[in-house]
């Protein structure tokens, strides 16, 4: 884990642990930090289709347009995984189609 709590934030977001994500962000975890397994916590939450977590991260200021190593955004990965509700939410929050 890096000093900014990035890996723990990614794991918590991916697992849908809202309380942990809130606490980490309150304690200064970098919401836009990249990890060696993917770009941001938002990307991980979108990949899992965790709509509530995606909403939380966006409400806390996550950048909806951050791209992974293949130039894919959270919208791309949510679409590919078939997470329709997450796709709708990302579009409502300004994700570029």
N, C-alpha and C. Protein backbone atom coordinates (compact mmCIF):
# COMPACT_ATOMS: atom_id res chain seq x y z
N UNK A 1 0.85 -1.18 0.00
CA UNK A 1 0.00 0.00 0.00
C UNK A 1 0.88 1.23 0.00
N UNK A 2 0.49 2.25 -0.74
CA UNK A 2 1.23 3.49 -0.76
C UNK A 2 0.87 4.33 0.46
N UNK A 3 1.61 5.38 0.67
CA UNK A 3 1.40 6.23 1.84
C UNK A 3 0.06 6.95 1.82
N UNK A 4 -0.55 7.13 0.67
CA UNK A 4 -1.81 7.87 0.62
C UNK A 4 -3.03 6.95 0.78
N UNK A 5 -2.82 5.70 1.10
CA UNK A 5 -3.93 4.78 1.33
C UNK A 5 -4.57 4.26 0.06
N UNK A 6 -3.90 4.42 -1.04
CA UNK A 6 -4.48 4.11 -2.35
C UNK A 6 -4.93 2.66 -2.48
N UNK A 7 -4.09 1.71 -2.16
CA UNK A 7 -4.46 0.31 -2.37
C UNK A 7 -5.63 -0.08 -1.48
N UNK A 8 -5.64 0.36 -0.24
CA UNK A 8 -6.74 0.05 0.66
C UNK A 8 -8.02 0.69 0.14
N UNK A 9 -7.95 1.90 -0.35
CA UNK A 9 -9.12 2.58 -0.91
C UNK A 9 -9.67 1.79 -2.09
N UNK A 10 -8.81 1.32 -2.96
CA UNK A 10 -9.25 0.55 -4.13
C UNK A 10 -9.93 -0.75 -3.72
N UNK A 11 -9.33 -1.45 -2.77
CA UNK A 11 -9.90 -2.71 -2.31
C UNK A 11 -11.25 -2.47 -1.65
N UNK A 12 -11.34 -1.45 -0.80
CA UNK A 12 -12.60 -1.15 -0.12
C UNK A 12 -13.68 -0.75 -1.11
N UNK A 13 -13.32 0.04 -2.11
CA UNK A 13 -14.30 0.46 -3.13
C UNK A 13 -14.77 -0.74 -3.94
N UNK A 14 -13.85 -1.60 -4.31
CA UNK A 14 -14.18 -2.78 -5.10
C UNK A 14 -15.09 -3.73 -4.32
N UNK A 15 -14.90 -3.79 -3.01
CA UNK A 15 -15.69 -4.69 -2.18
C UNK A 15 -16.99 -4.07 -1.69
N UNK A 16 -17.17 -2.77 -1.98
CA UNK A 16 -18.41 -2.10 -1.58
C UNK A 16 -18.47 -1.71 -0.12
N UNK A 17 -17.33 -1.54 0.51
CA UNK A 17 -17.27 -1.16 1.92
C UNK A 17 -17.36 0.37 2.07
N UNK A 18 -18.59 0.86 2.05
CA UNK A 18 -18.84 2.30 2.05
C UNK A 18 -18.24 3.00 3.26
N UNK A 19 -18.42 2.44 4.45
CA UNK A 19 -17.89 3.06 5.66
C UNK A 19 -16.38 3.20 5.62
N UNK A 20 -15.71 2.17 5.14
CA UNK A 20 -14.25 2.21 5.04
C UNK A 20 -13.81 3.26 4.04
N UNK A 21 -14.49 3.33 2.91
CA UNK A 21 -14.14 4.33 1.90
C UNK A 21 -14.34 5.73 2.45
N UNK A 22 -15.46 5.96 3.12
CA UNK A 22 -15.70 7.28 3.72
C UNK A 22 -14.59 7.64 4.71
N UNK A 23 -14.23 6.69 5.57
CA UNK A 23 -13.19 6.93 6.56
C UNK A 23 -11.85 7.23 5.90
N UNK A 24 -11.48 6.43 4.92
CA UNK A 24 -10.21 6.66 4.22
C UNK A 24 -10.17 8.03 3.56
N UNK A 25 -11.26 8.43 2.94
CA UNK A 25 -11.30 9.74 2.30
C UNK A 25 -11.23 10.86 3.35
N UNK A 26 -11.92 10.68 4.46
CA UNK A 26 -11.85 11.67 5.55
C UNK A 26 -10.43 11.80 6.09
N UNK A 27 -9.71 10.69 6.09
CA UNK A 27 -8.34 10.69 6.61
C UNK A 27 -7.30 11.09 5.56
N UNK A 28 -7.76 11.46 4.37
CA UNK A 28 -6.85 12.00 3.37
C UNK A 28 -6.42 11.08 2.25
N UNK A 29 -7.04 9.92 2.11
CA UNK A 29 -6.69 9.05 0.98
C UNK A 29 -6.96 9.80 -0.32
N UNK A 30 -6.09 9.62 -1.27
CA UNK A 30 -6.19 10.30 -2.56
C UNK A 30 -7.22 9.58 -3.44
N UNK A 31 -8.35 10.22 -3.68
CA UNK A 31 -9.43 9.61 -4.46
C UNK A 31 -9.02 9.34 -5.90
N UNK A 32 -8.03 10.03 -6.39
CA UNK A 32 -7.58 9.87 -7.77
C UNK A 32 -6.31 9.03 -7.89
N UNK A 33 -5.88 8.42 -6.81
CA UNK A 33 -4.64 7.63 -6.83
C UNK A 33 -4.78 6.42 -7.73
N UNK A 34 -3.71 6.10 -8.41
CA UNK A 34 -3.64 4.90 -9.24
C UNK A 34 -2.96 3.79 -8.46
N UNK A 35 -3.33 2.56 -8.77
CA UNK A 35 -2.66 1.41 -8.15
C UNK A 35 -2.04 0.57 -9.26
N UNK A 36 -1.30 -0.44 -8.86
CA UNK A 36 -0.69 -1.31 -9.87
C UNK A 36 -1.70 -2.27 -10.48
N UNK A 37 -2.94 -2.29 -9.98
CA UNK A 37 -3.96 -3.18 -10.53
C UNK A 37 -5.03 -2.43 -11.31
N UNK A 38 -4.90 -1.14 -11.45
CA UNK A 38 -5.88 -0.37 -12.20
C UNK A 38 -5.83 1.07 -11.79
N UNK A 39 -6.65 1.88 -12.44
CA UNK A 39 -6.54 3.31 -12.22
C UNK A 39 -7.05 3.78 -10.86
N UNK A 40 -8.30 4.00 -10.71
CA UNK A 40 -8.81 4.63 -9.49
C UNK A 40 -9.87 3.78 -8.80
N UNK A 41 -10.22 4.19 -7.61
CA UNK A 41 -11.28 3.50 -6.86
C UNK A 41 -12.59 3.52 -7.65
N UNK A 42 -12.87 4.63 -8.34
CA UNK A 42 -14.09 4.71 -9.14
C UNK A 42 -14.10 3.63 -10.22
N UNK A 43 -13.00 3.44 -10.89
CA UNK A 43 -12.90 2.42 -11.93
C UNK A 43 -13.18 1.03 -11.35
N UNK A 44 -12.60 0.75 -10.19
CA UNK A 44 -12.81 -0.56 -9.55
C UNK A 44 -14.27 -0.76 -9.16
N UNK A 45 -14.89 0.26 -8.60
CA UNK A 45 -16.30 0.16 -8.21
C UNK A 45 -17.19 -0.02 -9.43
N UNK A 46 -16.89 0.69 -10.51
CA UNK A 46 -17.67 0.56 -11.75
C UNK A 46 -17.51 -0.83 -12.35
N UNK A 47 -16.30 -1.38 -12.29
CA UNK A 47 -16.04 -2.72 -12.82
C UNK A 47 -16.87 -3.76 -12.09
N UNK A 48 -17.08 -3.55 -10.80
CA UNK A 48 -17.87 -4.48 -9.99
C UNK A 48 -19.37 -4.17 -10.07
N UNK A 49 -19.73 -3.02 -10.65
CA UNK A 49 -21.14 -2.67 -10.75
C UNK A 49 -21.74 -2.22 -9.44
N UNK A 50 -20.91 -1.70 -8.56
CA UNK A 50 -21.36 -1.25 -7.25
C UNK A 50 -21.87 0.20 -7.36
N UNK A 51 -23.14 0.31 -7.72
CA UNK A 51 -23.73 1.62 -8.00
C UNK A 51 -23.63 2.57 -6.80
N UNK A 52 -23.89 2.08 -5.60
CA UNK A 52 -23.82 2.94 -4.41
C UNK A 52 -22.41 3.48 -4.21
N UNK A 53 -21.41 2.64 -4.44
CA UNK A 53 -20.03 3.07 -4.28
C UNK A 53 -19.64 4.07 -5.37
N UNK A 54 -20.08 3.82 -6.58
CA UNK A 54 -19.81 4.76 -7.67
C UNK A 54 -20.41 6.12 -7.32
N UNK A 55 -21.64 6.13 -6.83
CA UNK A 55 -22.30 7.38 -6.45
C UNK A 55 -21.51 8.10 -5.35
N UNK A 56 -21.11 7.35 -4.33
CA UNK A 56 -20.33 7.94 -3.23
C UNK A 56 -19.05 8.58 -3.75
N UNK A 57 -18.30 7.84 -4.55
CA UNK A 57 -17.04 8.36 -5.06
C UNK A 57 -17.24 9.59 -5.94
N UNK A 58 -18.26 9.56 -6.77
CA UNK A 58 -18.54 10.73 -7.61
C UNK A 58 -18.96 11.92 -6.75
N UNK A 59 -19.77 11.67 -5.74
CA UNK A 59 -20.19 12.75 -4.83
C UNK A 59 -19.01 13.33 -4.07
N UNK A 60 -17.98 12.53 -3.85
CA UNK A 60 -16.78 12.98 -3.14
C UNK A 60 -15.74 13.60 -4.09
N UNK A 61 -16.09 13.70 -5.39
CA UNK A 61 -15.22 14.40 -6.32
C UNK A 61 -14.38 13.55 -7.25
N UNK A 62 -14.65 12.26 -7.33
CA UNK A 62 -13.88 11.42 -8.25
C UNK A 62 -14.08 11.89 -9.69
N UNK A 63 -13.02 11.85 -10.46
CA UNK A 63 -13.05 12.25 -11.87
C UNK A 63 -13.65 11.13 -12.70
N UNK A 64 -14.80 11.39 -13.31
CA UNK A 64 -15.53 10.38 -14.08
C UNK A 64 -14.81 10.00 -15.38
N UNK A 65 -13.85 10.79 -15.80
CA UNK A 65 -13.17 10.54 -17.07
C UNK A 65 -11.76 9.96 -16.95
N UNK A 66 -11.34 9.56 -15.77
CA UNK A 66 -10.00 8.98 -15.63
C UNK A 66 -9.93 7.69 -16.44
N UNK A 67 -8.78 7.50 -17.11
CA UNK A 67 -8.60 6.34 -17.98
C UNK A 67 -7.59 5.36 -17.40
N UNK A 68 -7.78 4.09 -17.74
CA UNK A 68 -6.85 3.06 -17.31
C UNK A 68 -5.69 2.96 -18.31
N UNK A 69 -4.93 1.90 -18.20
CA UNK A 69 -3.74 1.71 -19.03
C UNK A 69 -4.08 1.47 -20.50
N UNK A 70 -5.35 1.18 -20.78
CA UNK A 70 -5.80 0.93 -22.15
C UNK A 70 -6.71 2.06 -22.64
N UNK A 71 -6.67 3.19 -21.96
CA UNK A 71 -7.48 4.37 -22.28
C UNK A 71 -8.97 4.13 -22.12
N UNK A 72 -9.34 3.24 -21.20
CA UNK A 72 -10.74 3.01 -20.91
C UNK A 72 -11.14 3.73 -19.63
N UNK A 73 -12.37 4.22 -19.60
CA UNK A 73 -12.90 4.90 -18.43
C UNK A 73 -13.78 3.95 -17.62
N UNK A 74 -14.27 4.44 -16.50
CA UNK A 74 -15.21 3.66 -15.69
C UNK A 74 -16.46 3.32 -16.50
N UNK A 75 -16.88 4.22 -17.36
CA UNK A 75 -18.05 3.96 -18.21
C UNK A 75 -17.78 2.78 -19.14
N UNK A 76 -16.61 2.74 -19.72
CA UNK A 76 -16.26 1.63 -20.62
C UNK A 76 -16.33 0.29 -19.89
N UNK A 77 -15.71 0.24 -18.72
CA UNK A 77 -15.64 -1.04 -18.01
C UNK A 77 -17.01 -1.45 -17.49
N UNK A 78 -17.81 -0.50 -17.03
CA UNK A 78 -19.16 -0.82 -16.55
C UNK A 78 -20.03 -1.32 -17.70
N UNK A 79 -19.87 -0.72 -18.86
CA UNK A 79 -20.62 -1.14 -20.05
C UNK A 79 -20.22 -2.56 -20.45
N UNK A 80 -18.92 -2.80 -20.52
CA UNK A 80 -18.42 -4.12 -20.91
C UNK A 80 -18.88 -5.21 -19.95
N UNK A 81 -18.99 -4.88 -18.68
CA UNK A 81 -19.41 -5.85 -17.67
C UNK A 81 -20.93 -5.99 -17.58
N UNK A 82 -21.65 -5.14 -18.30
CA UNK A 82 -23.11 -5.24 -18.33
C UNK A 82 -23.81 -4.65 -17.12
N UNK A 83 -23.19 -3.70 -16.46
CA UNK A 83 -23.77 -3.08 -15.26
C UNK A 83 -24.60 -1.85 -15.67
N UNK A 84 -25.82 -2.11 -16.09
CA UNK A 84 -26.67 -1.07 -16.66
C UNK A 84 -26.94 0.10 -15.71
N UNK A 85 -27.24 -0.18 -14.46
CA UNK A 85 -27.53 0.90 -13.51
C UNK A 85 -26.29 1.78 -13.30
N UNK A 86 -25.14 1.16 -13.23
CA UNK A 86 -23.89 1.92 -13.07
C UNK A 86 -23.62 2.74 -14.31
N UNK A 87 -23.88 2.19 -15.47
CA UNK A 87 -23.70 2.93 -16.72
C UNK A 87 -24.60 4.16 -16.74
N UNK A 88 -25.86 3.98 -16.36
CA UNK A 88 -26.79 5.12 -16.32
C UNK A 88 -26.29 6.20 -15.36
N UNK A 89 -25.84 5.78 -14.19
CA UNK A 89 -25.34 6.74 -13.21
C UNK A 89 -24.14 7.50 -13.74
N UNK A 90 -23.19 6.80 -14.31
CA UNK A 90 -22.01 7.46 -14.86
C UNK A 90 -22.38 8.45 -15.95
N UNK A 91 -23.33 8.09 -16.79
CA UNK A 91 -23.78 9.01 -17.84
C UNK A 91 -24.46 10.24 -17.23
N UNK A 92 -25.30 10.02 -16.20
CA UNK A 92 -25.95 11.14 -15.52
C UNK A 92 -24.94 12.10 -14.90
N UNK A 93 -23.80 11.56 -14.47
CA UNK A 93 -22.77 12.35 -13.82
C UNK A 93 -21.75 12.92 -14.82
N UNK A 94 -22.04 12.78 -16.11
CA UNK A 94 -21.22 13.44 -17.11
C UNK A 94 -20.19 12.60 -17.83
N UNK A 95 -20.24 11.30 -17.68
CA UNK A 95 -19.26 10.47 -18.39
C UNK A 95 -19.48 10.62 -19.89
N UNK A 96 -18.38 10.80 -20.60
CA UNK A 96 -18.42 10.99 -22.04
C UNK A 96 -18.65 9.65 -22.72
N UNK A 97 -19.63 9.59 -23.58
CA UNK A 97 -19.96 8.36 -24.30
C UNK A 97 -18.95 8.12 -25.37
